[in-house]
Amino acid sequence: TARLEAQRKAFDFVGKAMLAAGGVVAAGLILATKRAAEFDQAMSNVQAATHESADNMALLRDAALEAGADTVYSANEAAGAIEELAKAGLSTQSIIGGGLTGALDLAAAGGLGVADAAGIASTTLQQFGLSGDKASHVADVLAAGAGKAMGDVSDLSMALSQSGTVAAQFGLSLEETTGSLAAFASKGLLGSDAGTSFRSMLLRLANPTGEAADKMRELGIQAYDAQGNFVGMTGLAGQLEKGLGKLTQEQRNAALAIIFGQDAIRAANVLYTEGAKGIAKWTQEVDDAGYAGETAAARLDNLNGDLEKLSGAFDTALIT
């Protein structure tokens, strides 16, 4: 790219000007060689994960170098993110068309390692059957879900690892799932505990029998509509709010225990407390386009962030 070419020319000029300082130049060459070797190894890992053509590898290499020059992350870290995204099945075009940017924004917004952020974004894409070009949107949703409630992106990731696949099986969108988990987090139900309670709640609704089915009929709670589709978290929260609202606290707790069991009673109680409007609001809150990038920029708007950007640009210059 034009920027990389300009960097090459600039450092070439500086290098020539410093030829007189032979010892300094020698040290610089050793450092540059080390950085270049590390980056080549990282890109070899990408090649091993993707088996991409030479042309596409050149595109991925340029993307990693640009990320190293333009962000707080090094080209090596960007290459690690590319490897994780590729392992998750993202195409080269998806990676350079938003996947890498989304992973880097999520890492900065959530204070995560780049490879970890890429892995979280990739897993979420797979859980909800989303295409690679939705990676930036996934980053926005996850960053908003963590940023607007208690906990962090790691907590939300653990919750999704326990519940995401089942939620998708019930036809829930990423936004409604993340919004529900954010609602749980706002009430102190976080991480894998939140995900386990959420998953258990959904599974209890899959085919209720016996006393649970009787209690649901008594309270007018129907998990599926006339077409056999799950009513969604907003719909379920509304039914719980209506059906349980007329009961005493003792009766309500007993009903929740009968329908959902001990593992899921916490999540179900949050749905009842929030009601349809509350869950709808949380779903809307996490569907916030650009949130990851804006949060990342805010977190890095300081001297340390500037130094990190300078370090990444310097590493890229050494490599090139």
Protein backbone atom coordinates (compact mmCIF):
# COMPACT_ATOMS: atom_id res chain seq x y z
CA THR A 1 0.00 0.00 0.00
CA ALA A 2 1.01 3.65 -0.32
CA ARG A 3 1.53 3.94 3.45
CA LEU A 4 3.84 0.95 3.62
CA GLU A 5 5.79 2.18 0.60
CA ALA A 6 6.22 5.57 2.25
CA GLN A 7 7.45 3.88 5.42
CA ARG A 8 9.95 1.85 3.44
CA LYS A 9 11.34 4.96 1.75
CA ALA A 10 11.47 6.90 5.02
CA PHE A 11 13.35 4.19 6.89
CA ASP A 12 15.61 3.64 3.91
CA PHE A 13 16.53 7.34 4.06
CA VAL A 14 17.14 7.17 7.80
CA GLY A 15 19.20 4.04 7.36
CA LYS A 16 21.45 5.68 4.81
CA ALA A 17 21.89 8.72 7.02
CA MET A 18 23.04 6.51 9.87
CA LEU A 19 25.58 4.44 7.96
CA ALA A 20 28.37 6.30 9.70
CA ALA A 21 27.22 4.92 13.02
CA GLY A 22 28.14 1.37 12.11
CA GLY A 23 27.62 -0.14 15.54
CA VAL A 24 24.15 1.32 15.91
CA VAL A 25 23.18 0.21 12.43
CA ALA A 26 24.42 -3.32 13.10
CA ALA A 27 22.29 -3.50 16.23
CA GLY A 28 19.34 -2.17 14.29
CA LEU A 29 19.83 -4.76 11.57
CA ILE A 30 19.91 -7.54 14.14
CA LEU A 31 16.68 -6.29 15.70
CA ALA A 32 15.05 -5.89 12.30
CA THR A 33 16.08 -9.39 11.31
CA LYS A 34 14.64 -10.78 14.55
CA ARG A 35 11.32 -8.97 14.05
CA ALA A 36 11.10 -10.06 10.43
CA ALA A 37 11.87 -13.68 11.35
CA GLU A 38 9.17 -13.67 14.03
CA PHE A 39 6.64 -12.22 11.59
CA ASP A 40 7.56 -14.74 8.90
CA GLN A 41 6.99 -17.53 11.43
CA ALA A 42 3.60 -16.08 12.35
CA MET A 43 2.60 -15.91 8.68
CA SER A 44 3.82 -19.49 8.19
CA ASN A 45 1.37 -20.46 10.92
CA VAL A 46 -1.35 -18.68 8.95
CA GLN A 47 -0.32 -20.56 5.80
CA ALA A 48 -0.48 -23.85 7.68
CA ALA A 49 -3.96 -23.02 8.98
CA THR A 50 -5.36 -21.79 5.66
CA HIS A 51 -3.40 -23.51 2.86
CA GLU A 52 -4.10 -20.30 0.96
CA SER A 53 -2.70 -19.38 -2.44
CA ALA A 54 0.35 -17.14 -2.72
CA ASP A 55 -1.84 -14.22 -3.85
CA ASN A 56 -4.16 -14.50 -0.86
CA MET A 57 -1.24 -14.95 1.53
CA ALA A 58 0.16 -11.69 0.19
CA LEU A 59 -3.16 -10.00 0.98
CA LEU A 60 -3.16 -11.41 4.51
CA ARG A 61 0.46 -10.41 5.01
CA ASP A 62 -0.30 -6.83 3.95
CA ALA A 63 -3.34 -6.78 6.26
CA ALA A 64 -1.21 -7.84 9.23
CA LEU A 65 1.44 -5.24 8.43
CA GLU A 66 -1.14 -2.49 8.04
CA ALA A 67 -2.73 -3.45 11.36
CA GLY A 68 0.70 -3.33 12.98
CA ALA A 69 1.33 0.14 11.53
CA ASP A 70 -2.11 1.61 12.28
CA THR A 71 -3.15 0.08 15.62
CA VAL A 72 -1.70 -0.50 19.06
CA TYR A 73 -1.02 -4.11 18.14
CA SER A 74 2.05 -5.48 16.44
CA ALA A 75 2.03 -7.16 13.05
CA ASN A 76 2.82 -10.44 14.82
CA GLU A 77 -0.26 -10.07 17.04
CA ALA A 78 -2.37 -9.27 13.99
CA ALA A 79 -1.03 -12.38 12.28
CA GLY A 80 -2.07 -14.42 15.33
CA ALA A 81 -5.59 -12.99 15.06
CA ILE A 82 -5.69 -13.86 11.36
CA GLU A 83 -4.70 -17.43 12.20
CA GLU A 84 -7.54 -17.77 14.73
CA LEU A 85 -10.08 -16.28 12.33
CA ALA A 86 -8.93 -18.59 9.55
CA LYS A 87 -9.18 -21.64 11.81
CA ALA A 88 -12.81 -20.69 12.44
CA GLY A 89 -13.50 -20.87 8.72
CA LEU A 90 -13.39 -17.20 7.77
CA SER A 91 -12.27 -16.64 4.19
CA THR A 92 -9.45 -14.32 3.27
CA GLN A 93 -11.94 -11.77 1.97
CA SER A 94 -13.91 -11.93 5.22
CA ILE A 95 -10.76 -11.47 7.27
CA ILE A 96 -9.50 -8.45 5.35
CA GLY A 97 -13.04 -7.15 4.82
CA GLY A 98 -13.81 -6.61 8.51
CA GLY A 99 -12.96 -9.75 10.44
CA LEU A 100 -9.49 -8.63 11.50
CA THR A 101 -10.64 -5.10 12.33
CA GLY A 102 -13.48 -6.49 14.44
CA ALA A 103 -11.14 -8.78 16.36
CA LEU A 104 -8.67 -5.96 17.03
CA ASP A 105 -11.46 -3.61 18.15
CA LEU A 106 -12.88 -6.28 20.45
CA ALA A 107 -9.43 -6.90 21.93
CA ALA A 108 -8.88 -3.21 22.63
CA ALA A 109 -12.42 -2.61 23.88
CA GLY A 110 -12.36 -5.63 26.18
CA GLY A 111 -8.73 -5.51 27.29
CA LEU A 112 -8.08 -8.92 25.76
CA GLY A 113 -5.20 -10.53 23.94
CA VAL A 114 -5.64 -10.28 20.19
CA ALA A 115 -5.71 -14.04 19.58
CA ASP A 116 -8.21 -14.48 22.44
CA ALA A 117 -10.50 -11.81 21.00
CA ALA A 118 -10.30 -13.37 17.54
CA GLY A 119 -11.14 -16.77 19.02
CA ILE A 120 -14.15 -15.36 20.89
CA ALA A 121 -15.47 -13.59 17.79
CA SER A 122 -14.92 -16.69 15.65
CA THR A 123 -16.67 -19.01 18.09
CA THR A 124 -19.64 -16.65 18.30
CA LEU A 125 -19.93 -16.53 14.51
CA GLN A 126 -20.01 -20.32 14.40
CA GLN A 127 -22.53 -20.67 17.24
CA PHE A 128 -25.08 -18.44 15.56
CA GLY A 129 -24.34 -19.51 11.99
CA LEU A 130 -23.20 -16.03 10.95
CA SER A 131 -21.02 -15.34 7.93
CA GLY A 132 -17.54 -13.93 8.27
CA ASP A 133 -18.56 -10.48 7.10
CA LYS A 134 -20.54 -10.15 10.36
CA ALA A 135 -17.37 -10.25 12.48
CA SER A 136 -17.35 -6.50 13.10
CA HIS A 137 -21.01 -6.64 14.15
CA VAL A 138 -20.24 -9.51 16.52
CA ALA A 139 -17.47 -7.40 18.06
CA ASP A 140 -19.91 -4.51 18.53
CA VAL A 141 -22.55 -6.71 20.17
CA LEU A 142 -20.12 -8.43 22.53
CA ALA A 143 -18.37 -5.20 23.48
CA ALA A 144 -21.72 -3.50 24.13
CA GLY A 145 -23.02 -6.48 26.11
CA ALA A 146 -19.98 -6.35 28.37
CA GLY A 147 -19.67 -2.58 28.48
CA LYS A 148 -23.25 -1.77 29.43
CA ALA A 149 -23.61 -4.27 32.28
CA MET A 150 -21.41 -5.80 34.97
CA GLY A 151 -18.45 -7.98 34.02
CA ASP A 152 -16.23 -7.91 30.96
CA VAL A 153 -15.94 -9.54 27.54
CA SER A 154 -14.32 -12.62 29.09
CA ASP A 155 -17.32 -13.10 31.39
CA LEU A 156 -19.70 -12.74 28.46
CA SER A 157 -17.62 -15.16 26.41
CA MET A 158 -17.83 -17.77 29.17
CA ALA A 159 -21.59 -17.29 29.37
CA LEU A 160 -21.93 -17.73 25.61
CA SER A 161 -19.72 -20.82 25.63
CA GLN A 162 -22.25 -22.46 27.96
CA SER A 163 -25.44 -21.20 26.34
CA GLY A 164 -24.81 -19.91 22.81
CA THR A 165 -25.29 -23.16 20.93
CA VAL A 166 -28.54 -24.00 22.75
CA ALA A 167 -29.80 -20.43 22.30
CA ALA A 168 -29.18 -20.66 18.56
CA GLN A 169 -30.94 -24.04 18.54
CA PHE A 170 -34.00 -22.29 19.98
CA GLY A 171 -33.86 -19.75 17.18
CA LEU A 172 -32.57 -16.88 19.32
CA SER A 173 -30.48 -14.23 17.60
CA LEU A 174 -27.08 -13.15 18.82
CA GLU A 175 -28.58 -9.83 19.89
CA GLU A 176 -31.40 -11.32 21.98
CA THR A 177 -29.07 -13.88 23.52
CA THR A 178 -26.45 -11.28 24.42
CA GLY A 179 -29.14 -8.87 25.61
CA SER A 180 -30.51 -11.54 27.95
CA LEU A 181 -27.03 -12.29 29.28
CA ALA A 182 -26.47 -8.56 29.82
CA ALA A 183 -29.72 -8.44 31.79
CA PHE A 184 -28.50 -11.36 33.91
CA ALA A 185 -25.16 -9.60 34.45
CA SER A 186 -26.93 -6.43 35.58
CA LYS A 187 -28.40 -8.52 38.40
CA GLY A 188 -25.05 -10.08 39.31
CA LEU A 189 -25.43 -13.34 37.36
CA LEU A 190 -22.17 -13.54 35.39
CA GLY A 191 -19.86 -15.78 33.42
CA SER A 192 -20.30 -19.51 33.17
CA ASP A 193 -22.91 -19.43 35.97
CA ALA A 194 -25.09 -17.17 33.82
CA GLY A 195 -24.57 -19.35 30.76
CA THR A 196 -25.34 -22.56 32.64
CA SER A 197 -28.51 -21.11 34.17
CA PHE A 198 -29.62 -19.76 30.78
CA ARG A 199 -28.98 -23.07 29.03
CA SER A 200 -30.80 -25.04 31.72
CA MET A 201 -33.77 -22.70 31.51
CA LEU A 202 -34.10 -23.17 27.77
CA LEU A 203 -33.69 -26.93 27.95
CA ARG A 204 -36.41 -27.15 30.63
CA LEU A 205 -38.73 -25.48 28.14
CA ALA A 206 -37.90 -27.88 25.31
CA ASN A 207 -40.36 -30.55 26.40
CA PRO A 208 -41.92 -29.84 29.80
CA THR A 209 -43.76 -32.76 31.37
CA GLY A 210 -45.59 -33.64 34.57
CA GLU A 211 -45.80 -31.02 37.27
CA ALA A 212 -43.81 -28.46 35.23
CA ALA A 213 -46.17 -28.71 32.27
CA ASP A 214 -49.19 -28.45 34.57
CA LYS A 215 -47.79 -25.34 36.27
CA MET A 216 -47.08 -23.68 32.92
CA ARG A 217 -50.64 -24.31 31.76
CA GLU A 218 -51.99 -22.97 35.04
CA LEU A 219 -50.00 -19.74 34.65
CA GLY A 220 -50.61 -19.36 30.91
CA ILE A 221 -46.96 -19.79 29.96
CA GLN A 222 -46.45 -21.18 26.45
CA ALA A 223 -42.89 -21.53 25.22
CA TYR A 224 -43.91 -22.09 21.59
CA ASP A 225 -46.30 -20.30 19.28
CA ALA A 226 -48.94 -21.86 17.01
CA GLN A 227 -46.30 -22.59 14.36
CA GLY A 228 -44.09 -24.42 16.85
CA ASN A 229 -41.47 -21.66 17.09
CA PHE A 230 -39.97 -20.55 20.40
CA VAL A 231 -41.58 -17.30 21.55
CA GLY A 232 -38.21 -15.67 22.22
CA MET A 233 -36.78 -14.14 25.36
CA THR A 234 -38.87 -10.99 25.17
CA GLY A 235 -42.03 -13.06 24.74
CA LEU A 236 -41.11 -15.45 27.53
CA ALA A 237 -40.26 -12.58 29.88
CA GLY A 238 -43.64 -11.03 29.17
CA GLN A 239 -45.47 -14.27 29.93
CA LEU A 240 -43.55 -14.75 33.18
CA GLU A 241 -44.27 -11.16 34.18
CA LYS A 242 -47.99 -11.63 33.56
CA GLY A 243 -48.36 -15.15 34.92
CA LEU A 244 -46.29 -14.72 38.08
CA GLY A 245 -47.17 -11.13 38.88
CA LYS A 246 -50.38 -12.06 40.70
CA LEU A 247 -48.65 -14.55 42.99
CA THR A 248 -47.11 -14.03 46.40
CA GLN A 249 -43.33 -14.20 46.65
CA GLU A 250 -43.59 -17.70 48.14
CA GLN A 251 -45.91 -18.90 45.37
CA ARG A 252 -43.74 -17.30 42.70
CA ASN A 253 -40.55 -18.92 43.94
CA ALA A 254 -42.26 -22.28 44.15
CA ALA A 255 -43.63 -21.94 40.61
CA LEU A 256 -40.22 -20.98 39.20
CA ALA A 257 -38.62 -23.95 40.94
CA ILE A 258 -41.24 -26.35 39.54
CA ILE A 259 -40.99 -25.06 35.97
CA PHE A 260 -37.26 -24.39 35.67
CA GLY A 261 -35.51 -26.35 38.41
CA GLN A 262 -32.83 -25.12 40.79
CA ASP A 263 -30.13 -24.54 38.15
CA ALA A 264 -32.27 -22.22 36.04
CA ILE A 265 -34.35 -20.42 38.65
CA ARG A 266 -31.93 -17.46 38.81
CA ALA A 267 -32.12 -16.71 35.09
CA ALA A 268 -35.89 -17.19 35.05
CA ASN A 269 -36.30 -14.80 37.97
CA VAL A 270 -34.33 -12.12 36.11
CA LEU A 271 -36.66 -12.53 33.13
CA TYR A 272 -39.68 -12.13 35.40
CA THR A 273 -38.15 -9.05 37.04
CA GLU A 274 -37.17 -7.41 33.75
CA GLY A 275 -40.38 -8.26 31.92
CA ALA A 276 -40.86 -7.92 28.18
CA LYS A 277 -39.89 -4.24 28.11
CA GLY A 278 -36.70 -4.84 30.06
CA ILE A 279 -35.44 -7.67 27.85
CA ALA A 280 -36.40 -5.74 24.71
CA LYS A 281 -34.43 -2.76 26.03
CA TRP A 282 -31.33 -4.86 26.74
CA THR A 283 -31.56 -6.44 23.29
CA GLN A 284 -31.66 -2.99 21.73
CA GLU A 285 -28.80 -1.78 23.95
CA VAL A 286 -26.36 -4.43 22.76
CA ASP A 287 -27.26 -3.94 19.09
CA ASP A 288 -25.02 -0.85 18.96
CA ALA A 289 -23.18 -0.39 15.66
CA GLY A 290 -19.65 0.94 16.08
CA TYR A 291 -19.55 0.38 19.84
CA ALA A 292 -16.38 -1.75 19.83
CA GLY A 293 -14.39 0.75 17.78
CA GLU A 294 -15.59 3.73 19.80
CA THR A 295 -14.81 1.98 23.09
CA ALA A 296 -11.40 0.90 21.85
CA ALA A 297 -10.58 4.47 20.78
CA ALA A 298 -11.66 5.82 24.19
CA ARG A 299 -9.58 3.27 26.10
CA LEU A 300 -6.49 4.07 24.02
CA ASP A 301 -6.86 7.86 24.03
CA ASN A 302 -3.91 8.40 26.36
CA LEU A 303 -0.12 8.49 26.40
CA ASN A 304 0.19 4.75 26.89
CA GLY A 305 -2.04 4.16 23.87
CA ASP A 306 0.07 6.54 21.81
CA LEU A 307 3.23 4.72 22.83
CA GLU A 308 1.65 1.37 21.91
CA LYS A 309 0.74 2.71 18.47
CA LEU A 310 4.29 4.01 18.00
CA SER A 311 5.70 0.65 19.04
CA GLY A 312 3.48 -1.20 16.57
CA ALA A 313 4.44 1.17 13.76
CA PHE A 314 8.14 0.80 14.62
CA ASP A 315 7.89 -3.00 14.58
CA THR A 316 6.19 -2.86 11.19
CA ALA A 317 8.92 -0.59 9.87
CA LEU A 318 11.59 -3.01 11.11
CA ILE A 319 9.85 -5.92 9.40
CA THR A 320 9.44 -4.12 6.10
